[in-house]
Each structure stands twice: as structure tokens, then as C-alpha cells.
Amino acid sequence: MPDTGVPGEPAAARATRAVPLPIVLVGPMGAGKSRVGARLASSVGAPFVDTDQRIAERYGPIEEIFAREGEAYFRVIEREVVAEALREEAVVSLGGGAVLDADTRADLAHLAVVWLQVSAEAVAPRLTGGTRPLLAEGGVERWIRIRDERRPLYEQVAGLAIDTSRRSVARIVDEITEWAGARA
């Protein structure tokens, strides 16, 4: 692709124009969506939106929402926050269960969506000591069931799948940037 940058323009500014936004990260809990998303956003010069963080800022800690109102209520507010975030020119990290919503899947149909995958062995230490409500009972075995149940939905919405189990964040970001740039 020819360089269409303005002479003297920083490379980050050129990269932002060359990468269509939003870029959306999906995948199971512990796959690295927040870490990769923050680094990717910095790399392409875009804002980073973590929908779980945005929910917590507006409604309180997710584990408290689950305890107080239940999962069904959480999914309603999650859908609202996700729909808003997907209209932003940003790198967007969705909570692991956001793909359960049919409207969210429809919204993702024409966007650059990356499915971050991770093995159970690699995710186990990442989940230790966490406060994830769906893992409160069952630990890694529950995580495996949830991941396997959602796998077809991740496959449906994603244009690129990357295993984060044993790869550096920098390498993952490079691969996503190259793929997204080719979509421009």
C-alpha cells in the first residue's frame, strides 16, 4: 500500500488513518482483551474502550451487579454500553459474554473483530484471585464450559482469531494491526 501520509506526519497518525475503526476484541475471560486492547489502541493512536470497565464506572463493580440484580439485568446494561462503544472510533474490548446478545452479533457483522483465544493451561494463572462472578463456583472447569459454549459465537463474529496463550502482546498487536490495515 502506498504511503499516503503527509510529509512530516508522525507514523502513529498515518497508522490511525490506515486502520479502520472500531477494532473489536472478543474472547473468553482471561484471554487478554484488556491488555492487548490498550496496547493496540496506543499503537494505532486510537482511544481504548473496555466495556466491562465502562459498566463498572457507571453501575458499580460487575460482581456486585450480578449479586444485586442478577445476570439478566447485567446483560441488559452490557448491551447498552456495547452498542454505544461500537459506534466509537476506538479499539473496543467486549466482555466475554457480550456475544450472547443477537443484536450485538448483528452490530459486529461488518466491523473488524478479533477473537482472542487462550488455552485452559495458560488462563489458569490469569484467573487466580479474580472476582469474576461466573467463575465464583467451578474455577477453570467452569471457564472451559463457558468458553466452549461461546466458541461458535466467537467464530461467527470474528474475522481474525489469535491464540494469546504463549505470544507476546507486542506480537499480537502487530498481527492485528497488519490484518486490520489490509482491510482498509
N, C-alpha and C. Protein backbone atom coordinates (compact mmCIF):
# COMPACT_ATOMS: atom_id res chain seq x y z
N MET A 1 0.85 -1.17 0.00
CA MET A 1 0.00 0.00 0.00
C MET A 1 0.89 1.23 0.00
N PRO A 2 0.63 2.19 -0.88
CA PRO A 2 1.48 3.37 -0.93
C PRO A 2 1.30 4.22 0.33
N ASP A 3 2.36 4.93 0.70
CA ASP A 3 2.30 5.82 1.85
C ASP A 3 1.54 7.07 1.43
N THR A 4 0.38 7.29 2.07
CA THR A 4 -0.43 8.46 1.75
C THR A 4 -0.32 9.52 2.83
N GLY A 5 0.68 9.38 3.67
CA GLY A 5 0.85 10.31 4.77
C GLY A 5 1.32 11.67 4.32
N VAL A 6 1.06 12.64 5.15
CA VAL A 6 1.52 13.99 4.93
C VAL A 6 2.99 14.04 5.31
N PRO A 7 3.84 14.70 4.51
CA PRO A 7 5.26 14.78 4.89
C PRO A 7 5.42 15.32 6.31
N GLY A 8 6.23 14.64 7.08
CA GLY A 8 6.48 15.06 8.46
C GLY A 8 5.44 14.59 9.45
N GLU A 9 4.37 13.94 8.98
CA GLU A 9 3.32 13.45 9.86
C GLU A 9 3.86 12.27 10.67
N PRO A 10 3.56 12.22 11.98
CA PRO A 10 4.02 11.08 12.79
C PRO A 10 3.45 9.76 12.26
N ALA A 11 4.23 8.70 12.40
CA ALA A 11 3.80 7.39 11.92
C ALA A 11 2.49 6.96 12.58
N ALA A 12 2.30 7.29 13.87
CA ALA A 12 1.07 6.91 14.57
C ALA A 12 -0.15 7.54 13.91
N ALA A 13 -0.03 8.75 13.44
CA ALA A 13 -1.16 9.41 12.78
C ALA A 13 -1.47 8.71 11.46
N ARG A 14 -0.44 8.33 10.71
CA ARG A 14 -0.67 7.59 9.46
C ARG A 14 -1.31 6.24 9.76
N ALA A 15 -0.84 5.57 10.80
CA ALA A 15 -1.39 4.26 11.16
C ALA A 15 -2.87 4.37 11.51
N THR A 16 -3.25 5.44 12.20
CA THR A 16 -4.64 5.61 12.58
C THR A 16 -5.52 5.69 11.34
N ARG A 17 -5.08 6.42 10.35
CA ARG A 17 -5.88 6.55 9.14
C ARG A 17 -5.91 5.26 8.35
N ALA A 18 -4.86 4.46 8.46
CA ALA A 18 -4.75 3.24 7.67
C ALA A 18 -5.53 2.07 8.28
N VAL A 19 -5.96 2.20 9.53
CA VAL A 19 -6.64 1.10 10.22
C VAL A 19 -8.09 1.51 10.45
N PRO A 20 -9.04 0.73 9.91
CA PRO A 20 -10.45 1.07 10.12
C PRO A 20 -10.84 0.87 11.58
N LEU A 21 -11.62 1.80 12.08
CA LEU A 21 -12.08 1.71 13.47
C LEU A 21 -13.60 1.66 13.47
N PRO A 22 -14.20 1.02 14.43
CA PRO A 22 -13.54 0.39 15.57
C PRO A 22 -12.91 -0.95 15.20
N ILE A 23 -11.94 -1.33 16.01
CA ILE A 23 -11.43 -2.70 16.02
C ILE A 23 -11.95 -3.28 17.33
N VAL A 24 -12.61 -4.43 17.25
CA VAL A 24 -13.28 -5.01 18.40
C VAL A 24 -12.60 -6.31 18.79
N LEU A 25 -12.33 -6.46 20.07
CA LEU A 25 -11.73 -7.68 20.60
C LEU A 25 -12.79 -8.47 21.36
N VAL A 26 -12.93 -9.75 21.01
CA VAL A 26 -13.84 -10.65 21.70
C VAL A 26 -13.06 -11.86 22.16
N GLY A 27 -13.63 -12.60 23.08
CA GLY A 27 -12.99 -13.82 23.56
C GLY A 27 -13.35 -14.08 24.99
N PRO A 28 -12.93 -15.23 25.50
CA PRO A 28 -13.29 -15.61 26.86
C PRO A 28 -12.55 -14.79 27.90
N MET A 29 -13.05 -14.88 29.13
CA MET A 29 -12.39 -14.24 30.26
C MET A 29 -10.94 -14.69 30.31
N GLY A 30 -10.04 -13.74 30.54
CA GLY A 30 -8.64 -14.07 30.71
C GLY A 30 -7.85 -14.22 29.42
N ALA A 31 -8.47 -13.94 28.28
CA ALA A 31 -7.76 -14.09 27.00
C ALA A 31 -6.79 -12.95 26.74
N GLY A 32 -6.91 -11.86 27.48
CA GLY A 32 -6.01 -10.73 27.30
C GLY A 32 -6.61 -9.56 26.55
N LYS A 33 -7.92 -9.50 26.47
CA LYS A 33 -8.58 -8.44 25.69
C LYS A 33 -8.21 -7.04 26.20
N SER A 34 -8.18 -6.87 27.50
CA SER A 34 -7.87 -5.54 28.05
C SER A 34 -6.41 -5.16 27.81
N ARG A 35 -5.49 -6.08 28.06
CA ARG A 35 -4.06 -5.79 27.86
C ARG A 35 -3.75 -5.55 26.39
N VAL A 36 -4.24 -6.45 25.53
CA VAL A 36 -3.98 -6.31 24.11
C VAL A 36 -4.68 -5.06 23.58
N GLY A 37 -5.91 -4.84 24.02
CA GLY A 37 -6.67 -3.68 23.55
C GLY A 37 -6.00 -2.36 23.88
N ALA A 38 -5.51 -2.22 25.10
CA ALA A 38 -4.84 -0.98 25.49
C ALA A 38 -3.58 -0.75 24.66
N ARG A 39 -2.81 -1.80 24.45
CA ARG A 39 -1.59 -1.68 23.66
C ARG A 39 -1.91 -1.41 22.20
N LEU A 40 -2.92 -2.07 21.66
CA LEU A 40 -3.32 -1.87 20.27
C LEU A 40 -3.80 -0.43 20.06
N ALA A 41 -4.61 0.06 20.97
CA ALA A 41 -5.10 1.44 20.87
C ALA A 41 -3.95 2.43 20.84
N SER A 42 -2.98 2.22 21.71
CA SER A 42 -1.81 3.09 21.74
C SER A 42 -1.04 3.00 20.43
N SER A 43 -0.92 1.80 19.91
CA SER A 43 -0.17 1.57 18.68
C SER A 43 -0.80 2.26 17.47
N VAL A 44 -2.13 2.28 17.40
CA VAL A 44 -2.79 2.89 16.24
C VAL A 44 -3.27 4.31 16.51
N GLY A 45 -2.98 4.83 17.70
CA GLY A 45 -3.35 6.20 18.02
C GLY A 45 -4.84 6.41 18.19
N ALA A 46 -5.51 5.43 18.79
CA ALA A 46 -6.95 5.50 18.99
C ALA A 46 -7.28 5.37 20.47
N PRO A 47 -8.46 5.82 20.87
CA PRO A 47 -8.88 5.59 22.25
C PRO A 47 -9.12 4.10 22.49
N PHE A 48 -9.06 3.70 23.75
CA PHE A 48 -9.37 2.33 24.14
C PHE A 48 -10.61 2.33 25.00
N VAL A 49 -11.58 1.48 24.65
CA VAL A 49 -12.80 1.34 25.42
C VAL A 49 -12.91 -0.11 25.88
N ASP A 50 -12.89 -0.32 27.19
CA ASP A 50 -13.12 -1.63 27.79
C ASP A 50 -14.55 -1.57 28.31
N THR A 51 -15.45 -2.32 27.67
CA THR A 51 -16.87 -2.20 28.04
C THR A 51 -17.13 -2.66 29.47
N ASP A 52 -16.39 -3.64 29.97
CA ASP A 52 -16.56 -4.04 31.37
C ASP A 52 -16.18 -2.90 32.31
N GLN A 53 -15.11 -2.20 31.98
CA GLN A 53 -14.67 -1.07 32.81
C GLN A 53 -15.71 0.05 32.76
N ARG A 54 -16.26 0.30 31.57
CA ARG A 54 -17.26 1.35 31.43
C ARG A 54 -18.52 0.99 32.23
N ILE A 55 -18.91 -0.27 32.22
CA ILE A 55 -20.06 -0.71 33.02
C ILE A 55 -19.78 -0.47 34.49
N ALA A 56 -18.60 -0.86 34.95
CA ALA A 56 -18.25 -0.69 36.37
C ALA A 56 -18.24 0.78 36.76
N GLU A 57 -17.76 1.65 35.87
CA GLU A 57 -17.73 3.08 36.17
C GLU A 57 -19.15 3.64 36.32
N ARG A 58 -20.07 3.15 35.52
CA ARG A 58 -21.44 3.68 35.53
C ARG A 58 -22.35 3.03 36.56
N TYR A 59 -22.18 1.73 36.78
CA TYR A 59 -23.15 0.98 37.58
C TYR A 59 -22.56 0.32 38.81
N GLY A 60 -21.24 0.39 38.97
CA GLY A 60 -20.60 -0.26 40.10
C GLY A 60 -19.93 -1.55 39.68
N PRO A 61 -19.20 -2.18 40.58
CA PRO A 61 -18.46 -3.40 40.25
C PRO A 61 -19.38 -4.49 39.69
N ILE A 62 -18.90 -5.16 38.65
CA ILE A 62 -19.70 -6.16 37.97
C ILE A 62 -20.13 -7.27 38.92
N GLU A 63 -19.25 -7.71 39.80
CA GLU A 63 -19.64 -8.78 40.73
C GLU A 63 -20.79 -8.33 41.63
N GLU A 64 -20.84 -7.03 41.95
CA GLU A 64 -21.95 -6.53 42.76
C GLU A 64 -23.23 -6.45 41.95
N ILE A 65 -23.14 -6.10 40.68
CA ILE A 65 -24.32 -6.08 39.81
C ILE A 65 -24.91 -7.49 39.73
N PHE A 66 -24.05 -8.47 39.52
CA PHE A 66 -24.52 -9.86 39.46
C PHE A 66 -25.19 -10.25 40.78
N ALA A 67 -24.57 -9.92 41.90
CA ALA A 67 -25.11 -10.31 43.21
C ALA A 67 -26.42 -9.58 43.50
N ARG A 68 -26.50 -8.32 43.15
CA ARG A 68 -27.65 -7.49 43.48
C ARG A 68 -28.82 -7.69 42.51
N GLU A 69 -28.50 -7.73 41.21
CA GLU A 69 -29.56 -7.70 40.19
C GLU A 69 -29.66 -8.97 39.35
N GLY A 70 -28.57 -9.76 39.32
CA GLY A 70 -28.57 -10.99 38.52
C GLY A 70 -27.97 -10.80 37.14
N GLU A 71 -27.70 -11.93 36.50
CA GLU A 71 -27.06 -11.88 35.18
C GLU A 71 -27.96 -11.26 34.11
N ALA A 72 -29.26 -11.51 34.17
CA ALA A 72 -30.15 -10.97 33.13
C ALA A 72 -30.09 -9.44 33.10
N TYR A 73 -30.12 -8.81 34.27
CA TYR A 73 -30.02 -7.36 34.34
C TYR A 73 -28.66 -6.89 33.82
N PHE A 74 -27.60 -7.60 34.22
CA PHE A 74 -26.27 -7.24 33.74
C PHE A 74 -26.22 -7.25 32.22
N ARG A 75 -26.81 -8.27 31.59
CA ARG A 75 -26.78 -8.38 30.12
C ARG A 75 -27.51 -7.22 29.46
N VAL A 76 -28.56 -6.70 30.08
CA VAL A 76 -29.28 -5.54 29.53
C VAL A 76 -28.38 -4.31 29.52
N ILE A 77 -27.73 -4.03 30.65
CA ILE A 77 -26.87 -2.84 30.67
C ILE A 77 -25.61 -3.07 29.84
N GLU A 78 -25.13 -4.30 29.78
CA GLU A 78 -23.98 -4.59 28.93
C GLU A 78 -24.33 -4.28 27.48
N ARG A 79 -25.49 -4.69 27.02
CA ARG A 79 -25.90 -4.43 25.63
C ARG A 79 -25.91 -2.93 25.34
N GLU A 80 -26.44 -2.15 26.27
CA GLU A 80 -26.49 -0.70 26.11
C GLU A 80 -25.09 -0.11 25.95
N VAL A 81 -24.19 -0.51 26.82
CA VAL A 81 -22.83 0.01 26.80
C VAL A 81 -22.09 -0.46 25.55
N VAL A 82 -22.28 -1.71 25.16
CA VAL A 82 -21.62 -2.25 23.97
C VAL A 82 -22.10 -1.52 22.72
N ALA A 83 -23.41 -1.32 22.58
CA ALA A 83 -23.95 -0.63 21.40
C ALA A 83 -23.35 0.76 21.27
N GLU A 84 -23.22 1.44 22.38
CA GLU A 84 -22.61 2.78 22.39
C GLU A 84 -21.14 2.71 21.97
N ALA A 85 -20.39 1.79 22.55
CA ALA A 85 -18.95 1.69 22.28
C ALA A 85 -18.68 1.33 20.83
N LEU A 86 -19.52 0.50 20.23
CA LEU A 86 -19.29 0.08 18.84
C LEU A 86 -19.50 1.20 17.83
N ARG A 87 -20.06 2.31 18.27
CA ARG A 87 -20.21 3.49 17.39
C ARG A 87 -19.01 4.43 17.49
N GLU A 88 -18.07 4.13 18.37
CA GLU A 88 -16.92 4.99 18.58
C GLU A 88 -15.75 4.57 17.69
N GLU A 89 -14.95 5.53 17.29
CA GLU A 89 -13.73 5.23 16.54
C GLU A 89 -12.65 4.92 17.56
N ALA A 90 -12.61 3.64 17.95
CA ALA A 90 -11.75 3.22 19.05
C ALA A 90 -11.42 1.74 18.91
N VAL A 91 -10.50 1.29 19.76
CA VAL A 91 -10.29 -0.14 19.96
C VAL A 91 -11.20 -0.50 21.12
N VAL A 92 -12.07 -1.48 20.91
CA VAL A 92 -13.10 -1.82 21.89
C VAL A 92 -12.93 -3.26 22.35
N SER A 93 -12.84 -3.44 23.65
CA SER A 93 -12.77 -4.77 24.26
C SER A 93 -14.13 -5.09 24.85
N LEU A 94 -14.73 -6.19 24.37
CA LEU A 94 -16.04 -6.60 24.88
C LEU A 94 -15.86 -7.64 25.98
N GLY A 95 -16.76 -7.61 26.95
CA GLY A 95 -16.78 -8.65 27.96
C GLY A 95 -17.01 -9.99 27.29
N GLY A 96 -16.56 -11.06 27.91
CA GLY A 96 -16.61 -12.39 27.31
C GLY A 96 -17.99 -12.83 26.87
N GLY A 97 -19.04 -12.40 27.57
CA GLY A 97 -20.39 -12.82 27.24
C GLY A 97 -21.17 -11.86 26.36
N ALA A 98 -20.57 -10.77 25.93
CA ALA A 98 -21.30 -9.79 25.12
C ALA A 98 -21.84 -10.40 23.83
N VAL A 99 -21.14 -11.41 23.30
CA VAL A 99 -21.57 -12.04 22.04
C VAL A 99 -22.83 -12.87 22.22
N LEU A 100 -23.30 -13.07 23.43
CA LEU A 100 -24.53 -13.82 23.65
C LEU A 100 -25.74 -13.06 23.11
N ASP A 101 -25.63 -11.75 22.98
CA ASP A 101 -26.73 -10.92 22.53
C ASP A 101 -26.79 -10.89 21.00
N ALA A 102 -27.93 -11.26 20.43
CA ALA A 102 -28.08 -11.31 18.97
C ALA A 102 -27.90 -9.94 18.34
N ASP A 103 -28.36 -8.87 19.00
CA ASP A 103 -28.18 -7.53 18.44
C ASP A 103 -26.71 -7.14 18.41
N THR A 104 -25.97 -7.54 19.42
CA THR A 104 -24.53 -7.27 19.42
C THR A 104 -23.87 -8.02 18.28
N ARG A 105 -24.22 -9.28 18.09
CA ARG A 105 -23.64 -10.04 16.98
C ARG A 105 -23.97 -9.38 15.64
N ALA A 106 -25.17 -8.87 15.49
CA ALA A 106 -25.55 -8.17 14.25
C ALA A 106 -24.72 -6.91 14.09
N ASP A 107 -24.50 -6.18 15.17
CA ASP A 107 -23.69 -4.96 15.11
C ASP A 107 -22.25 -5.27 14.69
N LEU A 108 -21.75 -6.44 15.08
CA LEU A 108 -20.36 -6.81 14.79
C LEU A 108 -20.16 -7.30 13.36
N ALA A 109 -21.24 -7.58 12.66
CA ALA A 109 -21.16 -8.24 11.35
C ALA A 109 -20.26 -7.55 10.33
N HIS A 110 -20.18 -6.23 10.37
CA HIS A 110 -19.38 -5.52 9.36
C HIS A 110 -18.20 -4.78 9.97
N LEU A 111 -17.82 -5.15 11.18
CA LEU A 111 -16.70 -4.50 11.85
C LEU A 111 -15.48 -5.40 11.85
N ALA A 112 -14.34 -4.82 12.14
CA ALA A 112 -13.09 -5.58 12.29
C ALA A 112 -13.10 -6.20 13.68
N VAL A 113 -13.34 -7.52 13.74
CA VAL A 113 -13.48 -8.22 15.02
C VAL A 113 -12.39 -9.27 15.13
N VAL A 114 -11.68 -9.22 16.25
CA VAL A 114 -10.60 -10.17 16.51
C VAL A 114 -10.98 -11.01 17.72
N TRP A 115 -10.91 -12.33 17.53
CA TRP A 115 -11.20 -13.29 18.60
C TRP A 115 -9.89 -13.68 19.24
N LEU A 116 -9.70 -13.28 20.50
CA LEU A 116 -8.52 -13.68 21.25
C LEU A 116 -8.82 -15.00 21.95
N GLN A 117 -8.04 -16.01 21.60
CA GLN A 117 -8.20 -17.35 22.16
C GLN A 117 -7.10 -17.58 23.19
N VAL A 118 -7.38 -18.50 24.11
CA VAL A 118 -6.39 -18.84 25.12
C VAL A 118 -6.68 -20.26 25.61
N SER A 119 -5.63 -20.99 25.92
CA SER A 119 -5.79 -22.35 26.43
C SER A 119 -6.13 -22.31 27.92
N ALA A 120 -6.74 -23.39 28.40
CA ALA A 120 -7.07 -23.50 29.82
C ALA A 120 -5.80 -23.45 30.68
N GLU A 121 -4.73 -24.06 30.18
CA GLU A 121 -3.47 -24.07 30.93
C GLU A 121 -2.91 -22.65 31.09
N ALA A 122 -2.99 -21.87 30.03
CA ALA A 122 -2.45 -20.51 30.08
C ALA A 122 -3.36 -19.58 30.88
N VAL A 123 -4.67 -19.82 30.86
CA VAL A 123 -5.59 -18.90 31.53
C VAL A 123 -5.65 -19.13 33.04
N ALA A 124 -5.37 -20.33 33.50
CA ALA A 124 -5.50 -20.64 34.93
C ALA A 124 -4.79 -19.63 35.82
N PRO A 125 -3.50 -19.32 35.58
CA PRO A 125 -2.85 -18.34 36.46
C PRO A 125 -3.42 -16.93 36.30
N ARG A 126 -3.98 -16.62 35.14
CA ARG A 126 -4.55 -15.29 34.91
C ARG A 126 -5.83 -15.09 35.71
N LEU A 127 -6.52 -16.17 36.04
CA LEU A 127 -7.80 -16.08 36.74
C LEU A 127 -7.67 -16.20 38.25
N THR A 128 -6.50 -16.57 38.72
CA THR A 128 -6.29 -16.78 40.15
C THR A 128 -6.53 -15.49 40.91
N GLY A 129 -7.35 -15.59 41.95
CA GLY A 129 -7.60 -14.44 42.82
C GLY A 129 -8.54 -13.41 42.24
N GLY A 130 -9.18 -13.70 41.11
CA GLY A 130 -10.08 -12.74 40.49
C GLY A 130 -11.44 -12.70 41.15
N THR A 131 -12.26 -11.75 40.69
CA THR A 131 -13.61 -11.59 41.23
C THR A 131 -14.64 -11.78 40.13
N ARG A 132 -14.36 -12.64 39.19
CA ARG A 132 -15.27 -12.84 38.06
C ARG A 132 -16.49 -13.65 38.52
N PRO A 133 -17.69 -13.05 38.44
CA PRO A 133 -18.87 -13.69 39.01
C PRO A 133 -19.20 -15.06 38.43
N LEU A 134 -18.99 -15.25 37.13
CA LEU A 134 -19.34 -16.54 36.54
C LEU A 134 -18.36 -17.64 36.90
N LEU A 135 -17.22 -17.28 37.50
CA LEU A 135 -16.24 -18.29 37.89
C LEU A 135 -16.21 -18.52 39.40
N ALA A 136 -17.08 -17.83 40.12
CA ALA A 136 -17.08 -17.94 41.58
C ALA A 136 -17.19 -19.40 42.02
N GLU A 137 -17.96 -20.16 41.29
CA GLU A 137 -18.08 -21.59 41.58
C GLU A 137 -17.65 -22.36 40.35
N GLY A 138 -16.65 -23.17 40.47
CA GLY A 138 -16.25 -24.02 39.36
C GLY A 138 -14.90 -23.73 38.77
N GLY A 139 -14.33 -22.57 39.02
CA GLY A 139 -12.99 -22.25 38.57
C GLY A 139 -12.72 -22.51 37.10
N VAL A 140 -11.57 -23.11 36.81
CA VAL A 140 -11.14 -23.33 35.43
C VAL A 140 -12.08 -24.29 34.70
N GLU A 141 -12.62 -25.27 35.42
CA GLU A 141 -13.55 -26.19 34.77
C GLU A 141 -14.77 -25.44 34.27
N ARG A 142 -15.27 -24.52 35.06
CA ARG A 142 -16.42 -23.67 34.65
C ARG A 142 -15.99 -22.78 33.49
N TRP A 143 -14.79 -22.24 33.55
CA TRP A 143 -14.27 -21.39 32.46
C TRP A 143 -14.28 -22.18 31.14
N ILE A 144 -13.83 -23.43 31.18
CA ILE A 144 -13.79 -24.27 29.98
C ILE A 144 -15.20 -24.45 29.41
N ARG A 145 -16.17 -24.72 30.28
CA ARG A 145 -17.55 -24.90 29.81
C ARG A 145 -18.07 -23.62 29.17
N ILE A 146 -17.83 -22.49 29.82
CA ILE A 146 -18.29 -21.20 29.27
C ILE A 146 -17.61 -20.92 27.92
N ARG A 147 -16.30 -21.11 27.87
CA ARG A 147 -15.57 -20.89 26.62
C ARG A 147 -16.11 -21.77 25.50
N ASP A 148 -16.32 -23.04 25.79
CA ASP A 148 -16.80 -23.97 24.77
C ASP A 148 -18.21 -23.64 24.31
N GLU A 149 -19.07 -23.18 25.24
CA GLU A 149 -20.44 -22.79 24.87
C GLU A 149 -20.43 -21.58 23.94
N ARG A 150 -19.50 -20.65 24.17
CA ARG A 150 -19.48 -19.40 23.40
C ARG A 150 -18.64 -19.49 22.13
N ARG A 151 -17.85 -20.53 21.99
CA ARG A 151 -16.95 -20.68 20.84
C ARG A 151 -17.65 -20.46 19.50
N PRO A 152 -18.82 -21.06 19.23
CA PRO A 152 -19.47 -20.84 17.93
C PRO A 152 -19.83 -19.36 17.69
N LEU A 153 -20.14 -18.65 18.76
CA LEU A 153 -20.49 -17.23 18.61
C LEU A 153 -19.25 -16.40 18.30
N TYR A 154 -18.13 -16.71 18.96
CA TYR A 154 -16.89 -16.01 18.65
C TYR A 154 -16.49 -16.27 17.20
N GLU A 155 -16.62 -17.53 16.77
CA GLU A 155 -16.30 -17.88 15.38
C GLU A 155 -17.18 -17.12 14.41
N GLN A 156 -18.45 -16.98 14.75
CA GLN A 156 -19.40 -16.30 13.88
C GLN A 156 -19.05 -14.84 13.65
N VAL A 157 -18.60 -14.14 14.68
CA VAL A 157 -18.40 -12.69 14.57
C VAL A 157 -16.99 -12.29 14.17
N ALA A 158 -16.01 -13.17 14.35
CA ALA A 158 -14.61 -12.78 14.18
C ALA A 158 -14.11 -12.92 12.75
N GLY A 159 -13.30 -11.96 12.35
CA GLY A 159 -12.61 -12.03 11.06
C GLY A 159 -11.19 -12.55 11.22
N LEU A 160 -10.69 -12.54 12.45
CA LEU A 160 -9.33 -13.00 12.74
C LEU A 160 -9.34 -13.65 14.11
N ALA A 161 -8.66 -14.78 14.24
CA ALA A 161 -8.51 -15.45 15.53
C ALA A 161 -7.02 -15.54 15.85
N ILE A 162 -6.67 -15.18 17.09
CA ILE A 162 -5.28 -15.22 17.53
C ILE A 162 -5.22 -15.89 18.90
N ASP A 163 -4.33 -16.87 19.04
CA ASP A 163 -4.13 -17.52 20.32
C ASP A 163 -3.13 -16.70 21.14
N THR A 164 -3.56 -16.27 22.31
CA THR A 164 -2.71 -15.43 23.17
C THR A 164 -1.97 -16.23 24.23
N SER A 165 -2.09 -17.54 24.20
CA SER A 165 -1.55 -18.38 25.26
C SER A 165 -0.07 -18.18 25.51
N ARG A 166 0.71 -18.12 24.44
CA ARG A 166 2.17 -18.07 24.60
C ARG A 166 2.82 -17.06 23.66
N ARG A 167 2.12 -15.99 23.40
CA ARG A 167 2.65 -14.97 22.49
C ARG A 167 2.75 -13.65 23.22
N SER A 168 3.70 -12.85 22.84
CA SER A 168 3.85 -11.54 23.47
C SER A 168 2.74 -10.61 22.99
N VAL A 169 2.39 -9.67 23.85
CA VAL A 169 1.38 -8.67 23.50
C VAL A 169 1.83 -7.89 22.26
N ALA A 170 3.11 -7.55 22.19
CA ALA A 170 3.62 -6.80 21.04
C ALA A 170 3.41 -7.57 19.74
N ARG A 171 3.67 -8.84 19.76
CA ARG A 171 3.49 -9.66 18.54
C ARG A 171 2.02 -9.76 18.15
N ILE A 172 1.15 -9.90 19.14
CA ILE A 172 -0.29 -9.96 18.89
C ILE A 172 -0.77 -8.64 18.28
N VAL A 173 -0.32 -7.53 18.85
CA VAL A 173 -0.70 -6.21 18.35
C VAL A 173 -0.22 -6.03 16.90
N ASP A 174 0.99 -6.45 16.61
CA ASP A 174 1.50 -6.34 15.24
C ASP A 174 0.62 -7.12 14.26
N GLU A 175 0.23 -8.34 14.66
CA GLU A 175 -0.59 -9.17 13.78
C GLU A 175 -1.97 -8.54 13.54
N ILE A 176 -2.58 -8.00 14.60
CA ILE A 176 -3.89 -7.36 14.45
C ILE A 176 -3.78 -6.12 13.58
N THR A 177 -2.74 -5.32 13.80
CA THR A 177 -2.56 -4.10 13.03
C THR A 177 -2.37 -4.40 11.56
N GLU A 178 -1.57 -5.42 11.25
CA GLU A 178 -1.35 -5.81 9.86
C GLU A 178 -2.67 -6.26 9.23
N TRP A 179 -3.42 -7.11 9.93
CA TRP A 179 -4.69 -7.60 9.42
C TRP A 179 -5.69 -6.46 9.21
N ALA A 180 -5.83 -5.60 10.21
CA ALA A 180 -6.80 -4.50 10.11
C ALA A 180 -6.40 -3.52 9.01
N GLY A 181 -5.10 -3.27 8.86
CA GLY A 181 -4.63 -2.38 7.80
C GLY A 181 -4.95 -2.91 6.43
N ALA A 182 -4.91 -4.23 6.27
CA ALA A 182 -5.22 -4.85 4.98
C ALA A 182 -6.71 -4.73 4.65
N ARG A 183 -7.53 -4.51 5.67
CA ARG A 183 -8.98 -4.33 5.47
C ARG A 183 -9.32 -2.92 4.98
N ALA A 184 -8.39 -1.99 5.16
CA ALA A 184 -8.68 -0.58 4.85
C ALA A 184 -8.87 -0.37 3.34
